[in-house]
């Protein structure tokens, strides 16, 4: 039943919004950088920071590994919290360079659980960032959970209050086929729905999920 409900939800979102073409980024490295920079900011600011890196010729693992952290921080200033994010980005790049010789293609041959554990061991990389890297940059079938996902599922009685990241992720991964394309599109559609309709103060009229059982009161997730 959960599988049918989740696929019904997906089909309604897809019929309304169509394909979302996520994640924005021309290369796996750019996607990895974006996953770190998008923490606590909007994507337009991330794009400005990435444009700065491109202009400086820093969209390269070796150059990012070698660039001083202070210089990197200035490049990514538009993304906000730039000193913190520069440190987190350097931690990620150091792991990639020193463990995998900077070769992202090598990551794709490694077991998913191993990579996830390694990413989560990197200071500043939490579950959402790690899973975004795994799904969008490395193309591993890992479902990404965010605040939009929790809010939508909570209001539609598909999760219990208090369910955390692992519980919500398990719901999707146990009920749906383990397909990168499906997880990719589903997450993107949930974000689209969360931004346009299922906001902290919901706007249910016209939402593609309006006819599904839901609560439209205050945001508790």
N, C-alpha and C. Protein backbone atom coordinates (compact mmCIF):
# COMPACT_ATOMS: atom_id res chain seq x y z
N UNK A 1 0.82 -1.21 0.00
CA UNK A 1 0.00 0.00 0.00
C UNK A 1 0.86 1.26 0.00
N UNK A 2 1.94 1.26 0.80
CA UNK A 2 2.81 2.43 0.81
C UNK A 2 3.43 2.67 -0.56
N UNK A 3 3.81 1.56 -1.22
CA UNK A 3 4.38 1.69 -2.55
C UNK A 3 3.39 2.33 -3.51
N UNK A 4 2.14 1.88 -3.46
CA UNK A 4 1.11 2.44 -4.34
C UNK A 4 0.87 3.91 -4.03
N UNK A 5 0.83 4.25 -2.74
CA UNK A 5 0.59 5.64 -2.34
C UNK A 5 1.73 6.54 -2.79
N UNK A 6 2.96 6.08 -2.57
CA UNK A 6 4.11 6.90 -2.97
C UNK A 6 4.18 7.07 -4.48
N UNK A 7 3.84 6.03 -5.24
CA UNK A 7 3.84 6.16 -6.69
C UNK A 7 2.69 7.04 -7.16
N UNK A 8 1.56 6.98 -6.46
CA UNK A 8 0.44 7.87 -6.79
C UNK A 8 0.86 9.32 -6.58
N UNK A 9 1.53 9.57 -5.46
CA UNK A 9 2.01 10.91 -5.17
C UNK A 9 2.98 11.38 -6.26
N UNK A 10 3.91 10.51 -6.60
CA UNK A 10 4.89 10.83 -7.66
C UNK A 10 4.20 11.14 -8.98
N UNK A 11 3.26 10.28 -9.37
CA UNK A 11 2.59 10.46 -10.66
C UNK A 11 1.80 11.76 -10.72
N UNK A 12 1.20 12.14 -9.60
CA UNK A 12 0.46 13.41 -9.56
C UNK A 12 1.41 14.59 -9.72
N UNK A 13 2.54 14.53 -9.03
CA UNK A 13 3.52 15.61 -9.14
C UNK A 13 4.09 15.70 -10.55
N UNK A 14 4.41 14.55 -11.12
CA UNK A 14 5.01 14.53 -12.45
C UNK A 14 4.02 15.03 -13.51
N UNK A 15 2.74 14.63 -13.37
CA UNK A 15 1.72 15.07 -14.33
C UNK A 15 1.54 16.58 -14.29
N UNK A 16 1.73 17.16 -13.11
CA UNK A 16 1.57 18.61 -12.97
C UNK A 16 2.81 19.39 -13.40
N UNK A 17 3.96 18.96 -12.92
CA UNK A 17 5.19 19.75 -13.11
C UNK A 17 6.06 19.29 -14.26
N UNK A 18 5.96 18.01 -14.65
CA UNK A 18 6.84 17.48 -15.68
C UNK A 18 8.26 17.29 -15.16
N UNK A 19 9.18 16.87 -16.02
CA UNK A 19 10.57 16.62 -15.59
C UNK A 19 11.25 17.89 -15.12
N UNK A 20 12.07 17.76 -14.07
CA UNK A 20 12.71 18.91 -13.45
C UNK A 20 14.18 19.10 -13.87
N UNK A 21 14.77 18.09 -14.49
CA UNK A 21 16.15 18.18 -15.01
C UNK A 21 17.14 18.57 -13.91
N UNK A 22 17.09 17.83 -12.80
CA UNK A 22 18.01 18.07 -11.69
C UNK A 22 19.21 17.13 -11.80
N UNK A 23 20.35 17.41 -11.20
CA UNK A 23 20.73 18.57 -10.41
C UNK A 23 21.42 19.56 -11.33
N UNK A 24 21.19 20.86 -11.16
CA UNK A 24 21.90 21.81 -12.01
C UNK A 24 23.40 21.71 -11.81
N UNK A 25 24.12 21.53 -12.88
CA UNK A 25 25.57 21.38 -12.80
C UNK A 25 26.07 20.67 -14.04
N UNK A 26 27.16 21.13 -14.61
CA UNK A 26 27.65 20.59 -15.87
C UNK A 26 28.53 19.36 -15.68
N UNK A 27 29.11 19.19 -14.49
CA UNK A 27 30.00 18.06 -14.24
C UNK A 27 29.73 17.49 -12.84
N UNK A 28 30.13 16.24 -12.59
CA UNK A 28 29.98 15.69 -11.24
C UNK A 28 30.68 16.54 -10.17
N UNK A 29 31.85 17.09 -10.49
CA UNK A 29 32.56 17.93 -9.53
C UNK A 29 31.74 19.18 -9.20
N UNK A 30 31.17 19.79 -10.21
CA UNK A 30 30.34 20.98 -9.99
C UNK A 30 29.14 20.65 -9.11
N UNK A 31 28.56 19.47 -9.31
CA UNK A 31 27.42 19.04 -8.49
C UNK A 31 27.86 18.83 -7.04
N UNK A 32 29.02 18.22 -6.85
CA UNK A 32 29.53 18.01 -5.50
C UNK A 32 29.77 19.34 -4.78
N UNK A 33 30.35 20.28 -5.49
CA UNK A 33 30.58 21.60 -4.91
C UNK A 33 29.25 22.26 -4.56
N UNK A 34 28.30 22.17 -5.48
CA UNK A 34 26.99 22.77 -5.25
C UNK A 34 26.29 22.18 -4.04
N UNK A 35 26.47 20.89 -3.82
CA UNK A 35 25.82 20.23 -2.68
C UNK A 35 26.32 20.79 -1.35
N UNK A 36 27.58 21.19 -1.30
CA UNK A 36 28.13 21.81 -0.10
C UNK A 36 27.70 23.27 0.01
N UNK A 37 27.78 23.98 -1.09
CA UNK A 37 27.50 25.42 -1.06
C UNK A 37 26.04 25.74 -0.83
N UNK A 38 25.13 24.84 -1.19
CA UNK A 38 23.70 25.13 -1.09
C UNK A 38 23.18 25.03 0.34
N UNK A 39 24.02 24.58 1.27
CA UNK A 39 23.60 24.52 2.67
C UNK A 39 23.24 25.92 3.16
N UNK A 40 22.00 26.08 3.64
CA UNK A 40 21.54 27.33 4.26
C UNK A 40 21.58 28.54 3.32
N UNK A 41 21.34 28.31 2.04
CA UNK A 41 21.24 29.44 1.12
C UNK A 41 20.42 29.02 -0.08
N UNK A 42 20.09 29.98 -0.95
CA UNK A 42 19.32 29.64 -2.15
C UNK A 42 20.26 29.40 -3.33
N UNK A 43 19.71 28.75 -4.36
CA UNK A 43 20.55 28.31 -5.45
C UNK A 43 21.15 29.46 -6.26
N UNK A 44 20.47 30.59 -6.33
CA UNK A 44 21.02 31.73 -7.08
C UNK A 44 22.36 32.17 -6.49
N UNK A 45 22.45 32.15 -5.18
CA UNK A 45 23.72 32.51 -4.54
C UNK A 45 24.80 31.47 -4.81
N UNK A 46 24.38 30.20 -4.85
CA UNK A 46 25.33 29.13 -5.18
C UNK A 46 25.87 29.31 -6.59
N UNK A 47 24.98 29.65 -7.52
CA UNK A 47 25.40 29.85 -8.92
C UNK A 47 26.45 30.96 -9.02
N UNK A 48 26.27 32.03 -8.26
CA UNK A 48 27.24 33.12 -8.28
C UNK A 48 28.60 32.64 -7.78
N UNK A 49 28.59 31.84 -6.72
CA UNK A 49 29.84 31.32 -6.17
C UNK A 49 30.52 30.38 -7.16
N UNK A 50 29.74 29.51 -7.81
CA UNK A 50 30.31 28.59 -8.78
C UNK A 50 30.85 29.34 -9.99
N UNK A 51 30.15 30.39 -10.40
CA UNK A 51 30.65 31.22 -11.51
C UNK A 51 32.01 31.83 -11.16
N UNK A 52 32.17 32.23 -9.90
CA UNK A 52 33.46 32.76 -9.46
C UNK A 52 34.55 31.70 -9.56
N UNK A 53 34.23 30.49 -9.16
CA UNK A 53 35.20 29.39 -9.26
C UNK A 53 35.57 29.11 -10.70
N UNK A 54 34.57 29.13 -11.57
CA UNK A 54 34.83 28.92 -13.00
C UNK A 54 35.75 30.00 -13.54
N UNK A 55 35.44 31.25 -13.22
CA UNK A 55 36.23 32.37 -13.73
C UNK A 55 37.67 32.30 -13.25
N UNK A 56 37.87 31.74 -12.05
CA UNK A 56 39.22 31.64 -11.48
C UNK A 56 39.92 30.34 -11.90
N UNK A 57 39.23 29.53 -12.71
CA UNK A 57 39.82 28.26 -13.15
C UNK A 57 39.97 27.24 -12.05
N UNK A 58 39.06 27.30 -11.06
CA UNK A 58 39.18 26.43 -9.89
C UNK A 58 38.22 25.23 -9.91
N UNK A 59 37.49 25.05 -11.00
CA UNK A 59 36.63 23.87 -11.07
C UNK A 59 37.44 22.66 -11.52
N UNK A 60 38.40 22.31 -10.69
CA UNK A 60 39.34 21.23 -10.96
C UNK A 60 39.77 20.69 -9.60
N UNK A 61 39.76 19.37 -9.43
CA UNK A 61 40.05 18.79 -8.13
C UNK A 61 41.44 19.16 -7.64
N UNK A 62 42.44 19.05 -8.50
CA UNK A 62 43.81 19.35 -8.08
C UNK A 62 43.95 20.82 -7.65
N UNK A 63 43.36 21.71 -8.43
CA UNK A 63 43.48 23.14 -8.09
C UNK A 63 42.72 23.48 -6.82
N UNK A 64 41.57 22.85 -6.62
CA UNK A 64 40.83 23.08 -5.39
C UNK A 64 41.60 22.53 -4.19
N UNK A 65 42.29 21.44 -4.39
CA UNK A 65 43.09 20.85 -3.31
C UNK A 65 44.24 21.78 -2.94
N UNK A 66 44.82 22.44 -3.94
CA UNK A 66 46.00 23.26 -3.72
C UNK A 66 45.68 24.70 -3.29
N UNK A 67 44.51 25.21 -3.65
CA UNK A 67 44.20 26.60 -3.38
C UNK A 67 44.11 26.85 -1.87
N UNK A 68 44.67 27.94 -1.38
CA UNK A 68 44.55 28.25 0.05
C UNK A 68 43.08 28.43 0.45
N UNK A 69 42.77 27.98 1.64
CA UNK A 69 41.38 28.03 2.11
C UNK A 69 40.85 29.47 2.13
N UNK A 70 41.70 30.43 2.47
CA UNK A 70 41.27 31.83 2.53
C UNK A 70 40.88 32.34 1.15
N UNK A 71 41.63 31.94 0.13
CA UNK A 71 41.32 32.35 -1.24
C UNK A 71 40.02 31.70 -1.70
N UNK A 72 39.84 30.44 -1.35
CA UNK A 72 38.62 29.74 -1.72
C UNK A 72 37.42 30.41 -1.06
N UNK A 73 37.56 30.82 0.18
CA UNK A 73 36.47 31.47 0.89
C UNK A 73 36.03 32.74 0.17
N UNK A 74 36.98 33.50 -0.33
CA UNK A 74 36.63 34.72 -1.06
C UNK A 74 35.88 34.40 -2.35
N UNK A 75 36.27 33.33 -3.01
CA UNK A 75 35.61 32.94 -4.26
C UNK A 75 34.14 32.55 -4.04
N UNK A 76 33.87 31.92 -2.89
CA UNK A 76 32.51 31.41 -2.67
C UNK A 76 31.71 32.34 -1.75
N UNK A 77 32.17 33.54 -1.54
CA UNK A 77 31.51 34.50 -0.64
C UNK A 77 30.01 34.64 -0.93
N UNK A 78 29.57 34.68 -2.21
CA UNK A 78 28.13 34.86 -2.46
C UNK A 78 27.24 33.78 -1.84
N UNK A 79 27.79 32.60 -1.57
CA UNK A 79 27.00 31.49 -1.03
C UNK A 79 26.71 31.64 0.46
N UNK A 80 27.30 32.64 1.11
CA UNK A 80 27.07 32.84 2.53
C UNK A 80 27.85 31.85 3.38
N UNK A 81 28.07 32.22 4.65
CA UNK A 81 28.84 31.36 5.56
C UNK A 81 30.12 30.86 4.86
N UNK A 82 30.76 31.77 4.13
CA UNK A 82 31.80 31.36 3.19
C UNK A 82 33.03 30.77 3.86
N UNK A 83 33.37 31.23 5.06
CA UNK A 83 34.52 30.65 5.75
C UNK A 83 34.24 29.21 6.18
N UNK A 84 33.04 28.98 6.70
CA UNK A 84 32.65 27.63 7.10
C UNK A 84 32.57 26.71 5.89
N UNK A 85 31.95 27.21 4.82
CA UNK A 85 31.77 26.37 3.63
C UNK A 85 33.10 26.11 2.92
N UNK A 86 34.02 27.06 2.98
CA UNK A 86 35.34 26.83 2.39
C UNK A 86 36.04 25.69 3.12
N UNK A 87 35.93 25.67 4.43
CA UNK A 87 36.54 24.59 5.22
C UNK A 87 35.89 23.24 4.87
N UNK A 88 34.56 23.22 4.76
CA UNK A 88 33.85 21.98 4.44
C UNK A 88 34.20 21.50 3.04
N UNK A 89 34.29 22.46 2.11
CA UNK A 89 34.63 22.10 0.74
C UNK A 89 36.05 21.56 0.65
N UNK A 90 36.97 22.18 1.38
CA UNK A 90 38.34 21.68 1.40
C UNK A 90 38.40 20.28 2.01
N UNK A 91 37.61 20.04 3.04
CA UNK A 91 37.56 18.70 3.64
C UNK A 91 37.11 17.66 2.62
N UNK A 92 36.08 18.01 1.85
CA UNK A 92 35.55 17.09 0.83
C UNK A 92 36.59 16.84 -0.26
N UNK A 93 37.20 17.91 -0.74
CA UNK A 93 38.18 17.80 -1.81
C UNK A 93 39.42 17.04 -1.34
N UNK A 94 39.83 17.26 -0.10
CA UNK A 94 40.98 16.54 0.45
C UNK A 94 40.70 15.04 0.47
N UNK A 95 39.50 14.65 0.89
CA UNK A 95 39.11 13.23 0.86
C UNK A 95 39.15 12.68 -0.56
N UNK A 96 38.60 13.42 -1.49
CA UNK A 96 38.55 12.96 -2.88
C UNK A 96 39.95 12.84 -3.47
N UNK A 97 40.80 13.80 -3.19
CA UNK A 97 42.16 13.81 -3.76
C UNK A 97 43.06 12.76 -3.12
N UNK A 98 43.04 12.70 -1.80
CA UNK A 98 43.98 11.84 -1.10
C UNK A 98 43.56 10.37 -1.09
N UNK A 99 42.27 10.10 -1.14
CA UNK A 99 41.82 8.71 -1.10
C UNK A 99 41.56 8.15 -2.49
N UNK A 100 41.10 9.01 -3.40
CA UNK A 100 40.71 8.53 -4.73
C UNK A 100 41.44 9.24 -5.87
N UNK A 101 42.58 9.86 -5.56
CA UNK A 101 43.41 10.54 -6.56
C UNK A 101 42.60 11.56 -7.37
N UNK A 102 41.56 12.10 -6.75
CA UNK A 102 40.76 13.12 -7.43
C UNK A 102 39.90 12.60 -8.55
N UNK A 103 39.77 11.28 -8.67
CA UNK A 103 39.04 10.67 -9.78
C UNK A 103 37.61 10.32 -9.36
N UNK A 104 36.66 11.14 -9.79
CA UNK A 104 35.26 10.92 -9.42
C UNK A 104 34.72 9.65 -10.07
N UNK A 105 35.24 9.29 -11.22
CA UNK A 105 34.78 8.06 -11.87
C UNK A 105 35.07 6.84 -11.01
N UNK A 106 36.18 6.89 -10.26
CA UNK A 106 36.51 5.78 -9.36
C UNK A 106 35.45 5.62 -8.29
N UNK A 107 34.86 6.73 -7.85
CA UNK A 107 33.83 6.67 -6.82
C UNK A 107 32.66 5.82 -7.28
N UNK A 108 32.36 5.87 -8.57
CA UNK A 108 31.19 5.16 -9.08
C UNK A 108 31.34 3.64 -9.01
N UNK A 109 32.58 3.18 -8.84
CA UNK A 109 32.83 1.73 -8.76
C UNK A 109 32.82 1.23 -7.32
N UNK A 110 32.72 2.14 -6.36
CA UNK A 110 32.77 1.76 -4.95
C UNK A 110 31.37 1.43 -4.41
N UNK A 111 31.28 0.56 -3.40
CA UNK A 111 29.98 0.24 -2.80
C UNK A 111 29.32 1.48 -2.20
N UNK A 112 28.03 1.58 -2.39
CA UNK A 112 27.28 2.76 -1.95
C UNK A 112 27.42 3.00 -0.45
N UNK A 113 27.23 1.96 0.36
CA UNK A 113 27.27 2.13 1.81
C UNK A 113 28.65 2.57 2.27
N UNK A 114 29.69 2.05 1.63
CA UNK A 114 31.06 2.46 1.99
C UNK A 114 31.25 3.95 1.73
N UNK A 115 30.83 4.38 0.52
CA UNK A 115 30.97 5.80 0.17
C UNK A 115 30.17 6.68 1.12
N UNK A 116 28.97 6.24 1.46
CA UNK A 116 28.13 7.05 2.35
C UNK A 116 28.80 7.21 3.72
N UNK A 117 29.35 6.13 4.24
CA UNK A 117 30.04 6.20 5.53
C UNK A 117 31.24 7.14 5.44
N UNK A 118 31.98 7.07 4.35
CA UNK A 118 33.15 7.94 4.19
C UNK A 118 32.73 9.40 4.10
N UNK A 119 31.69 9.68 3.33
CA UNK A 119 31.22 11.05 3.20
C UNK A 119 30.74 11.60 4.55
N UNK A 120 30.01 10.79 5.29
CA UNK A 120 29.50 11.24 6.58
C UNK A 120 30.60 11.42 7.61
N UNK A 121 31.75 10.82 7.38
CA UNK A 121 32.89 10.99 8.29
C UNK A 121 33.64 12.30 8.03
N UNK A 122 33.32 12.96 6.93
CA UNK A 122 33.97 14.23 6.59
C UNK A 122 33.30 15.35 7.38
N UNK A 123 34.08 16.14 8.07
CA UNK A 123 33.54 17.22 8.88
C UNK A 123 32.75 18.21 8.02
N UNK A 124 31.50 18.46 8.42
CA UNK A 124 30.66 19.40 7.69
C UNK A 124 29.75 18.77 6.67
N UNK A 125 29.87 17.45 6.47
CA UNK A 125 29.02 16.75 5.50
C UNK A 125 27.98 15.93 6.27
N UNK A 126 26.72 16.36 6.19
CA UNK A 126 25.65 15.65 6.85
C UNK A 126 24.91 14.74 5.88
N UNK A 127 23.86 14.07 6.35
CA UNK A 127 23.15 13.10 5.51
C UNK A 127 22.60 13.68 4.21
N UNK A 128 21.98 14.85 4.26
CA UNK A 128 21.39 15.41 3.04
C UNK A 128 22.47 15.75 2.01
N UNK A 129 23.55 16.35 2.47
CA UNK A 129 24.64 16.69 1.55
C UNK A 129 25.30 15.43 0.99
N UNK A 130 25.56 14.46 1.88
CA UNK A 130 26.19 13.21 1.43
C UNK A 130 25.31 12.50 0.40
N UNK A 131 24.02 12.43 0.66
CA UNK A 131 23.13 11.72 -0.25
C UNK A 131 22.93 12.47 -1.56
N UNK A 132 22.96 13.80 -1.51
CA UNK A 132 22.89 14.59 -2.74
C UNK A 132 24.10 14.29 -3.62
N UNK A 133 25.27 14.19 -3.01
CA UNK A 133 26.48 13.85 -3.76
C UNK A 133 26.36 12.44 -4.34
N UNK A 134 25.90 11.51 -3.52
CA UNK A 134 25.78 10.12 -3.98
C UNK A 134 24.80 10.01 -5.14
N UNK A 135 23.64 10.63 -5.02
CA UNK A 135 22.61 10.49 -6.04
C UNK A 135 22.94 11.27 -7.30
N UNK A 136 23.25 12.54 -7.15
CA UNK A 136 23.34 13.43 -8.31
C UNK A 136 24.72 13.45 -8.96
N UNK A 137 25.78 13.31 -8.17
CA UNK A 137 27.13 13.36 -8.75
C UNK A 137 27.68 11.97 -9.07
N UNK A 138 27.40 10.99 -8.18
CA UNK A 138 28.00 9.67 -8.34
C UNK A 138 26.99 8.67 -8.90
N UNK A 139 25.74 9.07 -8.99
CA UNK A 139 24.66 8.27 -9.59
C UNK A 139 24.44 6.95 -8.85
N UNK A 140 24.35 7.05 -7.52
CA UNK A 140 24.02 5.92 -6.67
C UNK A 140 22.54 6.04 -6.27
N UNK A 141 21.80 4.91 -6.19
CA UNK A 141 20.38 4.97 -5.86
C UNK A 141 20.14 5.19 -4.37
N UNK A 142 20.30 6.43 -3.94
CA UNK A 142 20.10 6.82 -2.55
C UNK A 142 19.07 7.96 -2.55
N UNK A 143 18.02 7.81 -1.76
CA UNK A 143 16.98 8.84 -1.77
C UNK A 143 17.38 10.00 -0.85
N UNK A 144 17.29 11.21 -1.38
CA UNK A 144 17.65 12.41 -0.64
C UNK A 144 16.41 12.94 0.09
N UNK A 145 16.57 13.20 1.37
CA UNK A 145 15.48 13.73 2.18
C UNK A 145 15.82 15.16 2.59
N UNK A 146 14.83 16.04 2.50
CA UNK A 146 15.03 17.42 2.96
C UNK A 146 13.78 17.91 3.67
N UNK A 147 13.77 19.18 4.04
CA UNK A 147 12.64 19.73 4.80
C UNK A 147 11.34 19.69 3.99
N UNK A 148 11.44 19.88 2.67
CA UNK A 148 10.24 19.81 1.83
C UNK A 148 9.64 18.41 1.88
N UNK A 149 10.49 17.41 1.79
CA UNK A 149 10.04 16.02 1.83
C UNK A 149 9.32 15.72 3.14
N UNK A 150 9.93 16.09 4.25
CA UNK A 150 9.34 15.83 5.56
C UNK A 150 8.00 16.55 5.71
N UNK A 151 7.94 17.79 5.25
CA UNK A 151 6.70 18.57 5.38
C UNK A 151 5.57 17.95 4.58
N UNK A 152 5.85 17.60 3.33
CA UNK A 152 4.80 17.04 2.46
C UNK A 152 4.33 15.69 2.99
N UNK A 153 5.26 14.82 3.35
CA UNK A 153 4.86 13.50 3.85
C UNK A 153 4.14 13.60 5.18
N UNK A 154 4.59 14.53 6.03
CA UNK A 154 3.92 14.70 7.31
C UNK A 154 2.49 15.15 7.16
N UNK A 155 2.27 16.10 6.29
CA UNK A 155 0.92 16.61 6.08
C UNK A 155 0.00 15.62 5.40
N UNK A 156 0.60 14.66 4.69
CA UNK A 156 -0.21 13.64 4.03
C UNK A 156 -0.22 12.32 4.81
N UNK A 157 0.19 12.39 6.08
CA UNK A 157 0.08 11.25 7.00
C UNK A 157 0.87 10.03 6.53
N UNK A 158 1.98 10.26 5.86
CA UNK A 158 2.81 9.15 5.39
C UNK A 158 3.98 8.89 6.33
N UNK A 159 4.22 9.80 7.24
CA UNK A 159 5.23 9.61 8.28
C UNK A 159 4.63 10.07 9.59
N UNK A 160 5.23 9.62 10.68
CA UNK A 160 4.78 10.03 12.01
C UNK A 160 5.58 11.23 12.48
N UNK A 161 4.95 12.06 13.30
CA UNK A 161 5.68 13.18 13.88
C UNK A 161 6.86 12.64 14.68
N UNK A 162 8.00 13.20 14.46
CA UNK A 162 9.20 12.71 15.12
C UNK A 162 10.06 11.82 14.26
N UNK A 163 9.51 11.33 13.14
CA UNK A 163 10.33 10.54 12.22
C UNK A 163 11.48 11.40 11.70
N UNK A 164 12.67 10.83 11.72
CA UNK A 164 13.85 11.57 11.28
C UNK A 164 14.28 11.20 9.88
N UNK A 165 15.48 11.66 9.54
CA UNK A 165 16.01 11.46 8.19
C UNK A 165 16.02 9.99 7.80
N UNK A 166 16.56 9.15 8.68
CA UNK A 166 16.72 7.73 8.34
C UNK A 166 15.38 7.04 8.12
N UNK A 167 14.38 7.38 8.95
CA UNK A 167 13.06 6.76 8.82
C UNK A 167 12.39 7.16 7.51
N UNK A 168 12.51 8.43 7.16
CA UNK A 168 11.88 8.91 5.93
C UNK A 168 12.58 8.32 4.71
N UNK A 169 13.89 8.29 4.75
CA UNK A 169 14.64 7.70 3.64
C UNK A 169 14.29 6.23 3.47
N UNK A 170 14.18 5.51 4.58
CA UNK A 170 13.85 4.09 4.53
C UNK A 170 12.47 3.86 3.93
N UNK A 171 11.54 4.76 4.21
CA UNK A 171 10.19 4.64 3.64
C UNK A 171 10.26 4.61 2.12
N UNK A 172 11.00 5.53 1.53
CA UNK A 172 11.12 5.59 0.07
C UNK A 172 11.89 4.40 -0.47
N UNK A 173 13.03 4.11 0.15
CA UNK A 173 13.91 3.09 -0.42
C UNK A 173 13.35 1.68 -0.27
N UNK A 174 12.48 1.46 0.72
CA UNK A 174 11.87 0.15 0.88
C UNK A 174 10.63 -0.03 0.00
N UNK A 175 10.02 1.08 -0.42
CA UNK A 175 8.77 1.00 -1.16
C UNK A 175 8.94 1.18 -2.67
N UNK A 176 10.03 1.81 -3.07
CA UNK A 176 10.22 2.13 -4.48
C UNK A 176 11.36 1.32 -5.09
N UNK A 177 11.34 1.13 -6.40
CA UNK A 177 12.49 0.50 -7.07
C UNK A 177 13.75 1.33 -6.85
N UNK A 178 14.88 0.66 -6.68
CA UNK A 178 16.13 1.39 -6.46
C UNK A 178 16.68 1.87 -7.81
N UNK A 179 16.12 2.97 -8.27
CA UNK A 179 16.47 3.53 -9.57
C UNK A 179 16.93 4.98 -9.41
N UNK A 180 18.11 5.27 -9.91
CA UNK A 180 18.67 6.62 -9.80
C UNK A 180 17.74 7.65 -10.43
N UNK A 181 17.25 7.37 -11.62
CA UNK A 181 16.40 8.34 -12.33
C UNK A 181 15.12 8.63 -11.55
N UNK A 182 14.52 7.60 -10.96
CA UNK A 182 13.30 7.79 -10.19
C UNK A 182 13.56 8.61 -8.94
N UNK A 183 14.60 8.27 -8.19
CA UNK A 183 14.93 9.01 -6.98
C UNK A 183 15.26 10.46 -7.30
N UNK A 184 15.98 10.66 -8.37
CA UNK A 184 16.35 12.00 -8.82
C UNK A 184 15.11 12.84 -9.08
N UNK A 185 14.22 12.32 -9.93
CA UNK A 185 13.03 13.07 -10.32
C UNK A 185 12.09 13.27 -9.14
N UNK A 186 11.94 12.25 -8.31
CA UNK A 186 11.02 12.34 -7.19
C UNK A 186 11.44 13.44 -6.23
N UNK A 187 12.70 13.45 -5.87
CA UNK A 187 13.19 14.47 -4.94
C UNK A 187 12.98 15.87 -5.53
N UNK A 188 13.31 16.03 -6.79
CA UNK A 188 13.16 17.34 -7.44
C UNK A 188 11.70 17.78 -7.46
N UNK A 189 10.80 16.86 -7.70
CA UNK A 189 9.37 17.19 -7.74
C UNK A 189 8.86 17.57 -6.35
N UNK A 190 9.33 16.89 -5.32
CA UNK A 190 8.94 17.24 -3.96
C UNK A 190 9.41 18.65 -3.61
N UNK A 191 10.61 19.00 -4.03
CA UNK A 191 11.11 20.35 -3.78
C UNK A 191 10.24 21.38 -4.50
N UNK A 192 9.90 21.08 -5.74
CA UNK A 192 9.04 22.00 -6.52
C UNK A 192 7.68 22.20 -5.83
N UNK A 193 7.09 21.10 -5.38
CA UNK A 193 5.81 21.18 -4.70
C UNK A 193 5.93 21.94 -3.38
N UNK A 194 7.00 21.70 -2.66
CA UNK A 194 7.21 22.38 -1.40
C UNK A 194 7.40 23.87 -1.55
N UNK A 195 8.05 24.28 -2.60
CA UNK A 195 8.28 25.71 -2.84
C UNK A 195 7.02 26.43 -3.32
N UNK A 196 6.20 25.74 -4.13
CA UNK A 196 5.05 26.40 -4.74
C UNK A 196 3.76 26.25 -3.95
N UNK A 197 3.59 25.12 -3.26
CA UNK A 197 2.32 24.85 -2.58
C UNK A 197 2.47 24.50 -1.10
N UNK A 198 3.28 23.51 -0.80
CA UNK A 198 3.37 23.01 0.57
C UNK A 198 4.41 23.81 1.36
N UNK A 199 4.13 25.09 1.51
CA UNK A 199 5.01 26.01 2.21
C UNK A 199 4.74 25.89 3.72
N UNK A 200 5.55 26.54 4.55
CA UNK A 200 5.24 26.53 5.99
C UNK A 200 3.80 26.95 6.25
N UNK A 201 3.31 27.96 5.53
CA UNK A 201 1.89 28.28 5.52
C UNK A 201 1.36 27.73 4.20
N UNK A 202 0.64 26.60 4.22
CA UNK A 202 0.31 25.90 2.97
C UNK A 202 -0.65 26.65 2.07
N UNK A 203 -0.52 26.39 0.79
CA UNK A 203 -1.43 26.92 -0.23
C UNK A 203 -1.95 25.73 -1.02
N UNK A 204 -2.98 25.07 -0.49
CA UNK A 204 -3.42 23.78 -1.01
C UNK A 204 -4.22 23.88 -2.31
N UNK A 205 -4.89 24.99 -2.51
CA UNK A 205 -5.72 25.09 -3.71
C UNK A 205 -4.86 25.05 -4.97
N UNK A 206 -5.17 24.11 -5.83
CA UNK A 206 -4.42 23.96 -7.07
C UNK A 206 -3.22 23.05 -6.95
N UNK A 207 -2.89 22.61 -5.73
CA UNK A 207 -1.76 21.70 -5.54
C UNK A 207 -2.08 20.36 -6.20
N UNK A 208 -1.13 19.75 -6.88
CA UNK A 208 -1.39 18.44 -7.51
C UNK A 208 -1.72 17.35 -6.51
N UNK A 209 -1.42 17.58 -5.22
CA UNK A 209 -1.71 16.59 -4.18
C UNK A 209 -2.96 16.96 -3.38
N UNK A 210 -3.68 17.95 -3.82
CA UNK A 210 -4.83 18.47 -3.07
C UNK A 210 -5.88 17.41 -2.79
N UNK A 211 -6.08 16.48 -3.72
CA UNK A 211 -7.13 15.48 -3.55
C UNK A 211 -6.71 14.31 -2.68
N UNK A 212 -5.43 14.22 -2.33
CA UNK A 212 -4.97 13.17 -1.43
C UNK A 212 -5.24 13.59 0.01
N UNK A 213 -5.54 12.66 0.91
CA UNK A 213 -5.80 13.02 2.31
C UNK A 213 -4.62 13.80 2.90
N UNK A 214 -4.93 14.93 3.54
CA UNK A 214 -3.86 15.75 4.07
C UNK A 214 -4.38 16.70 5.14
N UNK A 215 -3.43 17.23 5.92
CA UNK A 215 -3.71 18.28 6.86
C UNK A 215 -3.19 19.58 6.26
N UNK A 216 -3.97 20.64 6.38
CA UNK A 216 -3.55 21.91 5.79
C UNK A 216 -3.29 22.97 6.87
N UNK A 217 -3.10 22.50 8.11
CA UNK A 217 -2.89 23.44 9.20
C UNK A 217 -1.45 23.86 9.31
N UNK A 218 -1.06 24.25 10.52
CA UNK A 218 0.28 24.78 10.75
C UNK A 218 1.33 23.72 10.47
N UNK A 219 2.48 24.19 10.07
CA UNK A 219 3.61 23.32 9.77
C UNK A 219 4.19 22.74 11.05
N UNK A 220 4.15 21.42 11.19
CA UNK A 220 4.73 20.79 12.38
C UNK A 220 5.92 19.92 12.01
N UNK A 221 6.34 19.95 10.74
CA UNK A 221 7.47 19.12 10.29
C UNK A 221 8.57 20.00 9.71
